[in-house]
Amino acid sequence: KNIDMLLKEDSSCINDKSFISEFIDTNISVDAFGKLLIKLPWDNFDKDLASLDSNKILTMIQQRYFSFSSERYNELDETDSELAIEFILNNQSEYMEVRDDIVMSAELMQALILSERMDNDKIIILLEEYCDSCINEAIAKEIVRLNLSISIKVFSLIWQYLTNSEKISLMMNNLDNIDAQTFETCFSEIEGIYSDFSD
């Protein structure tokens, strides 16, 4: 009831950082927290997140309550990697602008690609930049499932992780991206496997 009353109030005058900080620390339901947080903007948010409940942080991320930065990402990643990943997924363009300041690992690459929320064009850029150190079987199979158009470098790196049917799908989806030698080598491998099987 008190929350509903607050929601009806004009919050334009509530811009005191101390008050908002105390509210964020208040023991309150996540649903009520989310409803009230919208009415309490905090420009240049600089509150330490380490002591906050993870559900509150998730709500703040989903509302884009604070801006994306590599420093804020690293702060989240130190305490909860899933929240850090959520932070990226909710701020994809901003992440791409500062990605050089964030360490890319196979775990992070896999989480972003398998999330089904990362834009494909951004995935392709990340693969090209980080494929030498971040490719694994799960990532390779997801690339095929997403029908991504990839470079020869990425194509060659993921080939070893795929089943024969996945290799065929990969080739068919990237005929315009691979050169004649790569095509011949890959096709010969697949043709040989099926020939051996039929014998």
Protein backbone atom coordinates (compact mmCIF):
# COMPACT_ATOMS: atom_id res chain seq x y z
CA LYS A 1 0.00 0.00 0.00
CA ASN A 2 2.78 2.41 0.91
CA ILE A 3 4.56 1.53 -2.30
CA ASP A 4 1.44 2.27 -4.37
CA MET A 5 1.21 5.66 -2.68
CA LEU A 6 4.82 6.41 -3.52
CA LEU A 7 4.26 5.39 -7.13
CA LYS A 8 1.51 7.97 -7.42
CA GLU A 9 3.69 10.73 -6.03
CA ASP A 10 5.67 13.10 -8.22
CA SER A 11 9.23 11.86 -7.83
CA SER A 12 10.82 14.65 -9.83
CA CYS A 13 11.95 16.28 -6.61
CA ILE A 14 13.56 13.08 -5.30
CA ASN A 15 17.07 13.52 -6.59
CA ASP A 16 19.02 13.24 -3.38
CA LYS A 17 21.75 10.63 -3.79
CA SER A 18 21.78 9.79 -0.08
CA PHE A 19 18.06 9.09 -0.09
CA ILE A 20 18.27 6.96 -3.22
CA SER A 21 21.28 5.06 -1.86
CA GLU A 22 19.37 4.28 1.34
CA PHE A 23 16.40 3.12 -0.71
CA ILE A 24 18.59 0.78 -2.75
CA ASP A 25 19.91 -0.72 0.50
CA THR A 26 16.40 -1.13 1.93
CA ASN A 27 15.02 -4.62 2.54
CA ILE A 28 12.20 -4.63 0.01
CA SER A 29 10.69 -7.11 -2.44
CA VAL A 30 12.27 -7.29 -5.88
CA ASP A 31 8.96 -6.41 -7.53
CA ALA A 32 8.51 -3.29 -5.41
CA PHE A 33 12.16 -2.39 -5.84
CA GLY A 34 11.83 -2.47 -9.60
CA LYS A 35 8.68 -0.35 -9.63
CA LEU A 36 10.17 2.34 -7.41
CA LEU A 37 13.63 2.34 -8.93
CA ILE A 38 12.23 3.66 -12.21
CA LYS A 39 11.08 6.77 -10.37
CA LEU A 40 14.46 7.36 -8.72
CA PRO A 41 17.05 8.09 -11.42
CA TRP A 42 20.65 8.49 -10.31
CA ASP A 43 22.84 10.31 -12.81
CA ASN A 44 26.46 9.15 -12.85
CA PHE A 45 25.65 6.22 -10.59
CA ASP A 46 28.67 5.44 -8.44
CA LYS A 47 27.37 3.16 -5.71
CA ASP A 48 29.38 0.06 -4.81
CA LEU A 49 27.46 -3.02 -5.95
CA ALA A 50 29.35 -5.59 -3.89
CA SER A 51 27.00 -5.42 -0.90
CA LEU A 52 23.75 -5.51 -2.88
CA ASP A 53 21.46 -8.48 -3.36
CA SER A 54 21.96 -10.09 -6.76
CA ASN A 55 18.26 -9.81 -7.61
CA LYS A 56 18.41 -6.05 -7.07
CA ILE A 57 21.49 -5.80 -9.27
CA LEU A 58 19.76 -7.83 -11.98
CA THR A 59 16.78 -5.46 -11.85
CA MET A 60 19.10 -2.48 -12.19
CA ILE A 61 20.85 -4.08 -15.15
CA GLN A 62 17.56 -4.88 -16.88
CA GLN A 63 16.42 -1.29 -16.38
CA ARG A 64 19.81 -0.03 -17.58
CA TYR A 65 19.91 1.97 -14.37
CA PHE A 66 23.65 2.55 -14.61
CA SER A 67 25.76 2.95 -17.72
CA PHE A 68 28.04 0.29 -19.13
CA SER A 69 31.78 0.52 -18.56
CA SER A 70 34.65 -1.94 -18.37
CA GLU A 71 35.19 -0.96 -14.73
CA ARG A 72 31.59 -1.72 -13.82
CA TYR A 73 31.72 -4.98 -15.77
CA ASN A 74 34.84 -6.08 -13.91
CA GLU A 75 33.24 -5.18 -10.60
CA LEU A 76 30.29 -7.42 -11.41
CA ASP A 77 32.44 -10.22 -12.78
CA GLU A 78 34.42 -10.44 -9.56
CA THR A 79 31.32 -11.32 -7.58
CA ASP A 80 28.89 -12.89 -10.06
CA SER A 81 29.91 -13.78 -13.60
CA GLU A 82 26.30 -14.41 -14.65
CA LEU A 83 25.37 -10.85 -13.75
CA ALA A 84 28.38 -9.61 -15.66
CA ILE A 85 27.23 -11.52 -18.75
CA GLU A 86 23.72 -10.13 -18.32
CA PHE A 87 25.28 -6.66 -18.15
CA ILE A 88 26.86 -7.20 -21.57
CA LEU A 89 23.71 -8.65 -23.12
CA ASN A 90 21.69 -5.64 -22.00
CA ASN A 91 24.33 -3.20 -23.29
CA GLN A 92 25.66 -4.85 -26.44
CA SER A 93 26.58 -1.74 -28.40
CA GLU A 94 28.25 -0.16 -25.39
CA TYR A 95 30.16 -3.38 -24.73
CA MET A 96 31.45 -3.48 -28.30
CA GLU A 97 32.84 0.03 -27.89
CA VAL A 98 34.99 -0.93 -24.88
CA ARG A 99 35.54 -4.65 -25.55
CA ASP A 100 39.30 -4.19 -25.82
CA ASP A 101 39.30 -3.29 -22.11
CA ILE A 102 37.53 -6.50 -21.10
CA VAL A 103 39.30 -9.86 -21.06
CA MET A 104 37.68 -12.31 -23.45
CA SER A 105 37.76 -15.95 -22.36
CA ALA A 106 36.31 -19.09 -23.91
CA GLU A 107 33.77 -19.12 -21.08
CA LEU A 108 32.61 -15.57 -21.81
CA MET A 109 32.53 -16.16 -25.57
CA GLN A 110 30.49 -19.32 -25.08
CA ALA A 111 28.04 -17.60 -22.73
CA LEU A 112 27.45 -14.76 -25.17
CA ILE A 113 27.00 -16.98 -28.21
CA LEU A 114 24.78 -19.55 -26.47
CA SER A 115 22.63 -16.86 -24.86
CA GLU A 116 20.56 -16.55 -28.07
CA ARG A 117 20.40 -12.83 -27.33
CA MET A 118 23.70 -11.56 -28.73
CA ASP A 119 23.30 -9.98 -32.16
CA ASN A 120 24.76 -12.20 -34.88
CA ASP A 121 26.74 -9.37 -36.45
CA LYS A 122 28.43 -8.74 -33.11
CA ILE A 123 29.12 -12.44 -32.63
CA ILE A 124 30.88 -12.55 -36.00
CA ILE A 125 33.11 -9.61 -35.03
CA LEU A 126 34.01 -11.23 -31.69
CA LEU A 127 34.75 -14.56 -33.34
CA GLU A 128 37.09 -12.93 -35.82
CA GLU A 129 38.95 -11.08 -33.09
CA TYR A 130 39.18 -13.79 -30.44
CA CYS A 131 38.86 -17.13 -32.24
CA ASP A 132 42.54 -18.02 -31.81
CA SER A 133 42.11 -18.42 -28.04
CA CYS A 134 38.39 -18.84 -27.45
CA ILE A 135 37.04 -21.59 -29.70
CA ASN A 136 35.68 -24.81 -28.22
CA GLU A 137 33.23 -27.52 -29.27
CA ALA A 138 30.12 -25.82 -27.88
CA ILE A 139 30.94 -22.58 -29.68
CA ALA A 140 31.70 -24.40 -32.94
CA LYS A 141 28.38 -26.23 -32.91
CA GLU A 142 26.46 -23.04 -32.12
CA ILE A 143 28.09 -21.28 -35.06
CA VAL A 144 26.70 -23.99 -37.33
CA ARG A 145 23.27 -23.87 -35.68
CA LEU A 146 23.10 -20.10 -36.17
CA ASN A 147 24.12 -20.43 -39.84
CA LEU A 148 26.72 -17.73 -39.36
CA SER A 149 28.76 -16.46 -42.30
CA ILE A 150 32.35 -16.62 -41.08
CA SER A 151 35.90 -16.07 -42.30
CA ILE A 152 38.27 -18.83 -43.46
CA LYS A 153 40.22 -18.43 -40.22
CA VAL A 154 37.19 -19.15 -38.04
CA PHE A 155 36.00 -21.83 -40.47
CA SER A 156 39.29 -23.71 -40.19
CA LEU A 157 39.41 -23.48 -36.40
CA ILE A 158 35.94 -24.87 -35.77
CA TRP A 159 36.10 -27.63 -38.40
CA GLN A 160 37.74 -30.15 -36.07
CA TYR A 161 34.93 -29.95 -33.52
CA LEU A 162 32.07 -30.78 -35.89
CA THR A 163 30.27 -33.94 -36.91
CA ASN A 164 30.11 -34.82 -40.59
CA SER A 165 26.60 -33.43 -41.00
CA GLU A 166 27.62 -30.22 -39.24
CA LYS A 167 30.64 -29.90 -41.52
CA ILE A 168 28.40 -30.14 -44.57
CA SER A 169 26.10 -27.47 -43.16
CA LEU A 170 29.07 -25.24 -42.42
CA MET A 171 30.42 -25.62 -45.95
CA MET A 172 27.08 -24.96 -47.61
CA ASN A 173 26.55 -21.80 -45.56
CA ASN A 174 30.03 -20.45 -46.30
CA LEU A 175 30.65 -21.32 -49.93
CA ASP A 176 31.26 -17.66 -50.73
CA ASN A 177 33.77 -17.27 -47.89
CA ILE A 178 36.13 -20.19 -48.43
CA ASP A 179 38.69 -20.49 -51.19
CA ALA A 180 38.93 -23.34 -53.68
CA GLN A 181 41.74 -25.12 -51.81
CA THR A 182 39.86 -25.09 -48.51
CA PHE A 183 36.71 -26.32 -50.22
CA GLU A 184 38.57 -29.14 -51.97
CA THR A 185 40.33 -30.24 -48.77
CA CYS A 186 37.16 -30.21 -46.68
CA PHE A 187 35.04 -31.84 -49.36
CA SER A 188 37.59 -34.59 -49.87
CA GLU A 189 37.57 -35.32 -46.13
CA ILE A 190 33.79 -35.61 -46.03
CA GLU A 191 33.64 -37.58 -49.30
CA GLY A 192 36.25 -39.99 -47.98
CA ILE A 193 34.36 -40.60 -44.75
CA TYR A 194 31.12 -41.36 -46.57
CA SER A 195 32.92 -43.55 -49.11
CA ASP A 196 34.50 -45.59 -46.30
CA PHE A 197 31.12 -45.96 -44.64
CA SER A 198 29.42 -47.20 -47.82
CA ASP A 199 32.17 -49.76 -48.39
